[in-house]
Amino acid sequence: MCPLFLYVWEVFFISELSINGQIRDKEVRVISETGEQLGIMSSREAQALADEAGLDLVKIAPTANPPVCKIVDYGKFRYEQSRKEKEARKKQKIIELKEIRLSPNIDTNDLNTKVNTARKLLAKGDRVKVTLRFRGREMAHMNNSKHVLDDFAQALADVAVVEKPAKVEGRAMHIVLAEKK
């Protein structure tokens, strides 16, 4: 095969949108640069209209029947698309899972400090995983220590709900709290 053919083949599949000569459909629905519907016509006629206007013919809805093409400046179109995607990413809220570790024989003041930390994390919009770690002989009294997690959840009942109830995994018991809506 000719190396030029391979190059053209790669270019065809790199771009996610078909433009100008890449559009191989018999009929397409055409939209003008002003947003006006020009109707259904052959892709050659649509390309001629685009060339006449000095713009590009871009297939914006390839799955429609017939495919929808728009007469636009391709560079400007791509730029506007990237700006819209960037704005959408900015507005998107990423919820993180933060962990707070406790021990079964935690004092009340220490527990209150951890509760305040969890309250701040919940206010930021994060979920909080509260882990109760057991060491040595504490493993024998796991069920008796569940009240520590219950007290923690009860202290945050005004701002949080228990998303996942207490669960034992290995040497730890944990719950997940999420902000009330």
Protein backbone atom coordinates (compact mmCIF):
# COMPACT_ATOMS: atom_id res chain seq x y z
CA MET A 1 0.00 0.00 0.00
CA CYS A 2 1.05 3.55 -0.62
CA PRO A 3 2.25 5.44 2.50
CA LEU A 4 0.14 8.43 1.47
CA PHE A 5 -2.99 6.29 1.59
CA LEU A 6 -2.17 5.17 5.13
CA TYR A 7 -1.66 8.76 6.21
CA VAL A 8 -5.00 9.85 4.77
CA TRP A 9 -6.67 6.84 6.42
CA GLU A 10 -5.23 7.84 9.84
CA VAL A 11 -6.35 11.46 9.47
CA PHE A 12 -9.85 10.28 8.66
CA PHE A 13 -10.13 8.41 11.96
CA ILE A 14 -8.24 10.84 14.22
CA SER A 15 -10.89 13.57 13.93
CA GLU A 16 -14.11 12.68 15.73
CA LEU A 17 -16.17 14.87 13.37
CA SER A 18 -16.37 14.36 9.62
CA ILE A 19 -15.74 17.50 7.61
CA ASN A 20 -15.96 18.46 3.93
CA GLY A 21 -14.72 15.55 1.75
CA GLN A 22 -14.91 13.03 4.60
CA ILE A 23 -18.72 13.08 4.50
CA ARG A 24 -19.73 10.09 2.35
CA ASP A 25 -23.50 10.03 2.97
CA LYS A 26 -25.86 10.30 -0.01
CA GLU A 27 -28.26 12.67 1.71
CA VAL A 28 -27.76 14.99 4.67
CA ARG A 29 -29.89 17.52 6.55
CA VAL A 30 -28.15 20.89 6.25
CA ILE A 31 -28.15 23.79 8.69
CA SER A 32 -26.74 27.16 7.59
CA GLU A 33 -24.19 29.25 9.52
CA THR A 34 -27.08 31.36 10.91
CA GLY A 35 -28.86 28.25 12.26
CA GLU A 36 -31.51 28.18 9.52
CA GLN A 37 -32.67 24.75 8.28
CA LEU A 38 -31.84 24.40 4.58
CA GLY A 39 -33.48 20.98 4.31
CA ILE A 40 -32.36 17.56 3.09
CA MET A 41 -30.01 17.49 0.10
CA SER A 42 -27.16 15.47 -1.35
CA SER A 43 -23.79 15.86 0.34
CA ARG A 44 -22.33 17.29 -2.91
CA GLU A 45 -24.93 20.07 -2.98
CA ALA A 46 -24.28 20.79 0.70
CA GLN A 47 -20.53 20.90 0.05
CA ALA A 48 -21.10 23.31 -2.84
CA LEU A 49 -23.11 25.61 -0.54
CA ALA A 50 -20.33 25.49 2.06
CA ASP A 51 -17.67 26.25 -0.55
CA GLU A 52 -19.78 29.13 -1.86
CA ALA A 53 -19.95 30.62 1.64
CA GLY A 54 -16.21 30.03 2.17
CA LEU A 55 -16.87 27.79 5.18
CA ASP A 56 -16.67 24.09 6.08
CA LEU A 57 -19.37 21.42 6.06
CA VAL A 58 -19.26 19.61 9.43
CA LYS A 59 -21.27 16.49 10.32
CA ILE A 60 -22.53 17.30 13.83
CA ALA A 61 -25.04 14.45 14.29
CA PRO A 62 -23.79 11.34 12.47
CA THR A 63 -26.34 8.97 14.07
CA ALA A 64 -29.41 10.94 12.95
CA ASN A 65 -31.39 9.75 9.96
CA PRO A 66 -30.35 11.47 7.66
CA PRO A 67 -27.12 12.77 9.29
CA VAL A 68 -27.13 16.45 10.26
CA CYS A 69 -24.44 18.71 8.78
CA LYS A 70 -23.79 22.35 9.57
CA ILE A 71 -22.05 24.99 7.50
CA VAL A 72 -19.54 26.61 9.89
CA ASP A 73 -15.92 27.70 10.25
CA TYR A 74 -14.41 24.43 11.52
CA GLY A 75 -11.63 26.05 13.59
CA LYS A 76 -14.09 28.34 15.37
CA PHE A 77 -16.50 25.43 15.87
CA ARG A 78 -13.80 23.27 17.53
CA TYR A 79 -12.72 26.19 19.73
CA GLU A 80 -16.29 26.80 20.93
CA GLN A 81 -16.74 23.08 21.62
CA SER A 82 -13.58 22.95 23.74
CA ARG A 83 -14.70 26.05 25.69
CA LYS A 84 -18.09 24.43 26.42
CA GLU A 85 -16.38 21.22 27.62
CA LYS A 86 -14.03 23.24 29.82
CA GLU A 87 -16.97 25.12 31.39
CA ALA A 88 -18.80 21.84 32.02
CA ARG A 89 -15.72 20.44 33.78
CA LYS A 90 -15.47 23.60 35.92
CA LYS A 91 -19.06 23.29 37.13
CA GLN A 92 -18.66 19.59 37.90
CA LYS A 93 -18.32 18.82 41.62
CA ILE A 94 -15.94 15.99 42.49
CA ILE A 95 -16.94 14.30 45.74
CA GLU A 96 -14.03 12.78 47.60
CA LEU A 97 -14.04 10.16 50.33
CA LYS A 98 -12.06 11.32 53.37
CA GLU A 99 -11.15 8.95 56.20
CA ILE A 100 -11.15 9.57 59.95
CA ARG A 101 -9.58 6.90 62.14
CA LEU A 102 -10.66 6.12 65.68
CA SER A 103 -9.69 3.59 68.32
CA PRO A 104 -12.16 1.74 70.57
CA ASN A 105 -10.94 3.39 73.78
CA ILE A 106 -11.11 6.98 72.50
CA ASP A 107 -11.83 9.70 75.07
CA THR A 108 -14.89 11.97 74.70
CA ASN A 109 -12.84 15.13 74.00
CA ASP A 110 -10.84 13.34 71.31
CA LEU A 111 -14.09 12.04 69.83
CA ASN A 112 -15.52 15.59 69.79
CA THR A 113 -12.40 16.85 67.97
CA LYS A 114 -12.81 14.14 65.33
CA VAL A 115 -16.54 14.97 65.04
CA ASN A 116 -15.69 18.63 64.37
CA THR A 117 -13.19 17.60 61.71
CA ALA A 118 -15.81 15.39 60.06
CA ARG A 119 -18.33 18.26 60.23
CA LYS A 120 -15.91 20.51 58.29
CA LEU A 121 -15.29 17.82 55.67
CA LEU A 122 -19.01 17.24 55.22
CA ALA A 123 -19.59 21.00 54.86
CA LYS A 124 -17.08 21.02 51.96
CA GLY A 125 -19.19 18.34 50.24
CA ASP A 126 -16.93 15.33 50.84
CA ARG A 127 -18.09 11.96 52.10
CA VAL A 128 -16.47 10.73 55.33
CA LYS A 129 -15.39 7.18 56.08
CA VAL A 130 -15.08 6.67 59.84
CA THR A 131 -12.79 3.74 60.64
CA LEU A 132 -12.55 2.11 64.04
CA ARG A 133 -9.24 0.22 64.18
CA PHE A 134 -8.67 -2.70 66.56
CA ARG A 135 -5.25 -3.82 67.81
CA GLY A 136 -4.26 -6.84 69.85
CA ARG A 137 -6.78 -7.81 72.53
CA GLU A 138 -9.28 -5.23 71.28
CA MET A 139 -10.19 -7.73 68.54
CA ALA A 140 -12.00 -9.88 71.12
CA HIS A 141 -14.38 -7.01 71.98
CA MET A 142 -15.31 -5.77 68.51
CA ASN A 143 -19.08 -5.94 69.08
CA ASN A 144 -18.83 -4.02 72.35
CA SER A 145 -17.01 -1.16 70.58
CA LYS A 146 -19.63 -0.56 67.89
CA HIS A 147 -21.17 2.11 70.11
CA VAL A 148 -18.21 4.41 69.30
CA LEU A 149 -19.26 4.52 65.64
CA ASP A 150 -22.91 4.90 66.62
CA ASP A 151 -22.02 7.84 68.92
CA PHE A 152 -20.01 9.42 66.09
CA ALA A 153 -22.92 9.11 63.66
CA GLN A 154 -25.35 10.38 66.31
CA ALA A 155 -23.18 13.47 66.95
CA LEU A 156 -23.34 14.30 63.22
CA ALA A 157 -27.03 13.40 62.77
CA ASP A 158 -27.94 17.07 62.16
CA VAL A 159 -25.64 17.41 59.10
CA ALA A 160 -25.02 13.83 57.91
CA VAL A 161 -26.73 10.56 57.13
CA VAL A 162 -25.21 7.09 57.32
CA GLU A 163 -24.66 6.06 53.72
CA LYS A 164 -23.18 2.65 54.55
CA PRO A 165 -23.84 1.06 57.95
CA ALA A 166 -21.15 -0.44 60.20
CA LYS A 167 -19.19 -3.19 58.49
CA VAL A 168 -16.23 -5.23 59.73
CA GLU A 169 -13.28 -5.72 57.39
CA GLY A 170 -10.23 -7.42 58.87
CA ARG A 171 -9.03 -5.50 61.92
CA ALA A 172 -11.31 -2.53 61.31
CA MET A 173 -14.97 -1.56 61.43
CA HIS A 174 -16.17 1.38 59.37
CA ILE A 175 -19.19 3.46 58.35
CA VAL A 176 -19.56 6.01 55.56
CA LEU A 177 -21.32 9.32 56.20
CA ALA A 178 -22.65 11.69 53.55
CA GLU A 179 -24.01 15.21 53.79
CA LYS A 180 -27.77 15.59 54.31
CA LYS A 181 -29.57 17.11 51.37
